[in-house]
């Protein structure tokens, strides 16, 4: 099971703790922010569909609330992370409950 989850095996919690829902508030869940990968790629696809041929000529930044090293690793080159939410075009925030 763990091999199938790689590289996200660290966010797997089995039924004894109640899965991810049961682990929330007891353990840190996505501390490496691997969850940045999917939404940042999805955002790039969305913007490319919205702007079409103009996409490559535009500059975009995305404000990041979370580990900057993970954002630098996972964000596509066309969407550089910005540490200043007031100047960024969008916001990606890791939601933590508990």
N, C-alpha and C. Protein backbone atom coordinates (compact mmCIF):
# COMPACT_ATOMS: atom_id res chain seq x y z
N UNK A 1 0.81 -1.18 0.00
CA UNK A 1 0.00 0.00 0.00
C UNK A 1 0.87 1.26 0.00
N UNK A 2 1.87 1.31 0.85
CA UNK A 2 2.69 2.51 0.96
C UNK A 2 3.44 2.81 -0.34
N UNK A 3 3.89 1.77 -1.04
CA UNK A 3 4.61 1.99 -2.30
C UNK A 3 3.69 2.64 -3.33
N UNK A 4 2.41 2.27 -3.32
CA UNK A 4 1.47 2.85 -4.28
C UNK A 4 1.22 4.33 -4.00
N UNK A 5 1.39 4.75 -2.77
CA UNK A 5 1.13 6.13 -2.40
C UNK A 5 2.32 7.06 -2.59
N UNK A 6 3.48 6.50 -2.87
CA UNK A 6 4.70 7.31 -3.00
C UNK A 6 4.53 8.39 -4.06
N UNK A 7 4.88 9.63 -3.83
CA UNK A 7 5.63 10.19 -2.71
C UNK A 7 4.75 10.76 -1.61
N UNK A 8 3.49 10.39 -1.58
CA UNK A 8 2.56 10.97 -0.60
C UNK A 8 2.24 10.03 0.56
N UNK A 9 3.09 9.03 0.77
CA UNK A 9 2.79 8.05 1.83
C UNK A 9 2.76 8.68 3.22
N UNK A 10 3.41 9.79 3.39
CA UNK A 10 3.44 10.40 4.72
C UNK A 10 2.10 11.02 5.12
N UNK A 11 1.16 11.17 4.20
CA UNK A 11 -0.15 11.69 4.56
C UNK A 11 -1.21 10.59 4.65
N UNK A 12 -0.78 9.34 4.59
CA UNK A 12 -1.71 8.21 4.74
C UNK A 12 -1.87 7.87 6.21
N UNK A 13 -3.10 7.76 6.66
CA UNK A 13 -3.39 7.33 8.02
C UNK A 13 -4.42 6.22 7.93
N UNK A 14 -4.15 5.10 8.58
CA UNK A 14 -5.02 3.93 8.45
C UNK A 14 -6.29 4.06 9.29
N UNK A 15 -7.13 3.04 9.21
CA UNK A 15 -8.41 3.04 9.89
C UNK A 15 -8.33 3.07 11.40
N UNK A 16 -7.21 2.65 11.98
CA UNK A 16 -7.08 2.67 13.43
C UNK A 16 -7.15 4.08 14.00
N UNK A 17 -6.68 5.03 13.24
CA UNK A 17 -6.74 6.43 13.68
C UNK A 17 -7.94 7.14 13.07
N UNK A 18 -8.64 6.48 12.16
CA UNK A 18 -9.81 7.08 11.51
C UNK A 18 -9.50 7.72 10.18
N UNK A 19 -8.39 7.26 9.54
CA UNK A 19 -8.00 7.83 8.26
C UNK A 19 -7.51 9.26 8.41
N UNK A 20 -7.50 9.98 7.33
CA UNK A 20 -7.03 11.37 7.36
C UNK A 20 -7.94 12.21 8.27
N UNK A 21 -9.23 11.97 8.19
CA UNK A 21 -10.17 12.74 9.01
C UNK A 21 -9.88 12.55 10.51
N UNK A 22 -9.59 11.32 10.93
CA UNK A 22 -9.28 11.06 12.33
C UNK A 22 -7.92 11.61 12.75
N UNK A 23 -7.00 11.73 11.80
CA UNK A 23 -5.66 12.23 12.10
C UNK A 23 -5.61 13.75 12.19
N UNK A 24 -6.60 14.41 11.57
CA UNK A 24 -6.61 15.87 11.58
C UNK A 24 -6.67 16.39 13.02
N UNK A 25 -5.79 17.30 13.32
CA UNK A 25 -5.73 17.86 14.66
C UNK A 25 -4.82 17.08 15.60
N UNK A 26 -4.56 15.81 15.27
CA UNK A 26 -3.66 15.00 16.09
C UNK A 26 -2.24 14.98 15.52
N UNK A 27 -2.16 15.03 14.20
CA UNK A 27 -0.87 14.95 13.51
C UNK A 27 -0.80 16.04 12.45
N UNK A 28 0.42 16.43 12.09
CA UNK A 28 0.59 17.32 10.94
C UNK A 28 0.37 16.47 9.70
N UNK A 29 -0.43 16.96 8.80
CA UNK A 29 -0.77 16.15 7.64
C UNK A 29 0.18 16.37 6.48
N UNK A 30 0.02 17.41 5.72
CA UNK A 30 0.81 17.61 4.50
C UNK A 30 1.93 18.60 4.74
N UNK A 31 2.85 18.28 5.63
CA UNK A 31 3.89 19.24 6.01
C UNK A 31 4.89 19.54 4.90
N UNK A 32 5.03 18.70 3.90
CA UNK A 32 5.91 19.01 2.77
C UNK A 32 5.15 19.73 1.65
N UNK A 33 3.85 19.88 1.81
CA UNK A 33 3.00 20.58 0.83
C UNK A 33 3.01 19.92 -0.55
N UNK A 34 3.03 18.59 -0.57
CA UNK A 34 2.90 17.88 -1.85
C UNK A 34 1.57 18.21 -2.51
N UNK A 35 0.62 18.68 -1.74
CA UNK A 35 -0.69 19.02 -2.30
C UNK A 35 -0.61 20.24 -3.23
N UNK A 36 0.50 20.93 -3.27
CA UNK A 36 0.66 22.04 -4.22
C UNK A 36 0.69 21.57 -5.67
N UNK A 37 1.14 20.35 -5.90
CA UNK A 37 1.36 19.88 -7.27
C UNK A 37 0.09 19.94 -8.12
N UNK A 38 -0.98 19.35 -7.65
CA UNK A 38 -2.20 19.26 -8.45
C UNK A 38 -2.86 20.62 -8.70
N UNK A 39 -3.09 21.45 -7.68
CA UNK A 39 -3.75 22.73 -7.98
C UNK A 39 -2.90 23.70 -8.80
N UNK A 40 -1.59 23.65 -8.65
CA UNK A 40 -0.77 24.58 -9.44
C UNK A 40 -0.79 24.19 -10.91
N UNK A 41 -0.76 22.90 -11.19
CA UNK A 41 -0.86 22.44 -12.58
C UNK A 41 -2.25 22.72 -13.13
N UNK A 42 -3.28 22.52 -12.30
CA UNK A 42 -4.65 22.82 -12.72
C UNK A 42 -4.85 24.30 -13.01
N UNK A 43 -4.23 25.14 -12.19
CA UNK A 43 -4.32 26.59 -12.42
C UNK A 43 -3.65 26.97 -13.73
N UNK A 44 -2.51 26.38 -13.99
CA UNK A 44 -1.83 26.66 -15.26
C UNK A 44 -2.70 26.23 -16.44
N UNK A 45 -3.31 25.06 -16.37
CA UNK A 45 -4.20 24.59 -17.44
C UNK A 45 -5.39 25.53 -17.62
N UNK A 46 -5.96 25.96 -16.50
CA UNK A 46 -7.10 26.89 -16.54
C UNK A 46 -6.72 28.20 -17.22
N UNK A 47 -5.60 28.79 -16.79
CA UNK A 47 -5.17 30.07 -17.36
C UNK A 47 -4.83 29.93 -18.84
N UNK A 48 -4.24 28.82 -19.21
CA UNK A 48 -3.92 28.59 -20.62
C UNK A 48 -5.20 28.50 -21.45
N UNK A 49 -6.23 27.86 -20.90
CA UNK A 49 -7.51 27.77 -21.62
C UNK A 49 -8.19 29.14 -21.69
N UNK A 50 -8.07 29.94 -20.64
CA UNK A 50 -8.70 31.26 -20.62
C UNK A 50 -8.03 32.25 -21.56
N UNK A 51 -6.69 32.22 -21.63
CA UNK A 51 -5.96 33.22 -22.40
C UNK A 51 -5.49 32.72 -23.76
N UNK A 52 -5.61 31.43 -24.00
CA UNK A 52 -5.26 30.89 -25.31
C UNK A 52 -3.84 31.23 -25.73
N UNK A 53 -3.70 31.76 -26.94
CA UNK A 53 -2.38 32.08 -27.47
C UNK A 53 -1.68 33.19 -26.69
N UNK A 54 -2.45 34.04 -25.99
CA UNK A 54 -1.87 35.12 -25.19
C UNK A 54 -1.24 34.62 -23.88
N UNK A 55 -1.50 33.38 -23.53
CA UNK A 55 -1.02 32.84 -22.27
C UNK A 55 0.50 32.98 -22.12
N UNK A 56 1.23 32.65 -23.15
CA UNK A 56 2.69 32.68 -23.07
C UNK A 56 3.25 34.10 -22.99
N UNK A 57 2.48 35.09 -23.44
CA UNK A 57 2.94 36.47 -23.42
C UNK A 57 2.62 37.20 -22.12
N UNK A 58 1.80 36.59 -21.27
CA UNK A 58 1.39 37.23 -20.02
C UNK A 58 2.27 36.77 -18.87
N UNK A 59 2.32 37.60 -17.84
CA UNK A 59 3.04 37.24 -16.62
C UNK A 59 2.03 37.01 -15.51
N UNK A 60 2.22 35.94 -14.78
CA UNK A 60 1.33 35.60 -13.68
C UNK A 60 2.18 35.35 -12.43
N UNK A 61 1.63 35.66 -11.28
CA UNK A 61 2.23 35.25 -10.02
C UNK A 61 1.12 34.72 -9.13
N UNK A 62 1.47 33.83 -8.25
CA UNK A 62 0.51 33.24 -7.33
C UNK A 62 1.04 33.39 -5.91
N UNK A 63 0.26 34.02 -5.05
CA UNK A 63 0.66 34.17 -3.65
C UNK A 63 0.56 32.80 -2.98
N UNK A 64 1.51 32.52 -2.13
CA UNK A 64 1.58 31.22 -1.47
C UNK A 64 1.58 31.41 0.04
N UNK A 65 0.69 30.73 0.70
CA UNK A 65 0.66 30.69 2.16
C UNK A 65 1.05 29.27 2.56
N UNK A 66 2.29 29.06 2.79
CA UNK A 66 2.79 27.73 3.12
C UNK A 66 4.28 27.67 2.85
N UNK A 67 4.84 26.46 2.85
CA UNK A 67 6.29 26.31 2.68
C UNK A 67 6.78 26.80 1.32
N UNK A 68 7.62 27.84 1.29
CA UNK A 68 8.09 28.37 0.01
C UNK A 68 8.91 27.38 -0.79
N UNK A 69 9.67 26.53 -0.12
CA UNK A 69 10.50 25.58 -0.87
C UNK A 69 9.64 24.60 -1.66
N UNK A 70 8.49 24.21 -1.12
CA UNK A 70 7.59 23.32 -1.85
C UNK A 70 6.95 24.04 -3.02
N UNK A 71 6.58 25.30 -2.82
CA UNK A 71 6.01 26.07 -3.92
C UNK A 71 7.02 26.21 -5.05
N UNK A 72 8.26 26.51 -4.72
CA UNK A 72 9.30 26.63 -5.75
C UNK A 72 9.47 25.33 -6.52
N UNK A 73 9.32 24.22 -5.83
CA UNK A 73 9.50 22.91 -6.47
C UNK A 73 8.31 22.53 -7.35
N UNK A 74 7.09 22.73 -6.84
CA UNK A 74 5.90 22.22 -7.53
C UNK A 74 5.30 23.18 -8.55
N UNK A 75 5.48 24.48 -8.40
CA UNK A 75 4.82 25.41 -9.30
C UNK A 75 5.45 25.37 -10.68
N UNK A 76 4.62 25.41 -11.73
CA UNK A 76 5.16 25.49 -13.09
C UNK A 76 5.95 26.78 -13.26
N UNK A 77 6.90 26.77 -14.15
CA UNK A 77 7.76 27.92 -14.39
C UNK A 77 6.95 29.17 -14.77
N UNK A 78 5.86 28.97 -15.44
CA UNK A 78 5.02 30.10 -15.88
C UNK A 78 4.26 30.74 -14.72
N UNK A 79 4.18 30.07 -13.56
CA UNK A 79 3.46 30.59 -12.40
C UNK A 79 4.39 30.69 -11.20
N UNK A 80 5.27 31.67 -11.18
CA UNK A 80 6.19 31.76 -10.05
C UNK A 80 5.46 32.15 -8.77
N UNK A 81 5.83 31.52 -7.65
CA UNK A 81 5.20 31.90 -6.38
C UNK A 81 5.65 33.28 -5.94
N UNK A 82 4.74 34.00 -5.32
CA UNK A 82 4.99 35.35 -4.84
C UNK A 82 4.69 35.38 -3.35
N UNK A 83 5.59 35.91 -2.56
CA UNK A 83 5.40 35.93 -1.11
C UNK A 83 4.55 37.13 -0.67
N UNK A 84 4.15 37.98 -1.62
CA UNK A 84 3.38 39.19 -1.29
C UNK A 84 1.98 39.08 -1.87
N UNK A 85 1.00 38.66 -1.07
CA UNK A 85 -0.36 38.46 -1.60
C UNK A 85 -0.96 39.70 -2.26
N UNK A 86 -0.56 40.89 -1.82
CA UNK A 86 -1.15 42.11 -2.37
C UNK A 86 -0.74 42.35 -3.82
N UNK A 87 0.36 41.74 -4.30
CA UNK A 87 0.80 41.97 -5.67
C UNK A 87 0.57 40.76 -6.58
N UNK A 88 0.10 39.66 -6.03
CA UNK A 88 -0.08 38.44 -6.82
C UNK A 88 -1.44 38.42 -7.52
N UNK A 89 -1.49 37.67 -8.61
CA UNK A 89 -2.73 37.55 -9.37
C UNK A 89 -3.68 36.54 -8.75
N UNK A 90 -3.18 35.63 -7.95
CA UNK A 90 -4.01 34.61 -7.34
C UNK A 90 -3.42 34.17 -6.02
N UNK A 91 -4.10 33.27 -5.32
CA UNK A 91 -3.65 32.80 -4.02
C UNK A 91 -3.81 31.30 -3.92
N UNK A 92 -2.78 30.61 -3.48
CA UNK A 92 -2.87 29.19 -3.20
C UNK A 92 -2.55 29.02 -1.72
N UNK A 93 -3.48 28.48 -0.99
CA UNK A 93 -3.34 28.36 0.45
C UNK A 93 -3.60 26.93 0.87
N UNK A 94 -2.72 26.40 1.69
CA UNK A 94 -2.97 25.07 2.26
C UNK A 94 -3.89 25.26 3.44
N UNK A 95 -5.02 24.63 3.38
CA UNK A 95 -5.99 24.75 4.46
C UNK A 95 -5.68 23.73 5.53
N UNK A 96 -5.54 24.21 6.74
CA UNK A 96 -5.29 23.31 7.86
C UNK A 96 -6.39 23.50 8.88
N UNK A 97 -7.03 22.43 9.23
CA UNK A 97 -8.11 22.49 10.20
C UNK A 97 -7.68 21.75 11.45
N UNK A 98 -7.95 22.32 12.59
CA UNK A 98 -7.64 21.62 13.82
C UNK A 98 -6.58 22.28 14.64
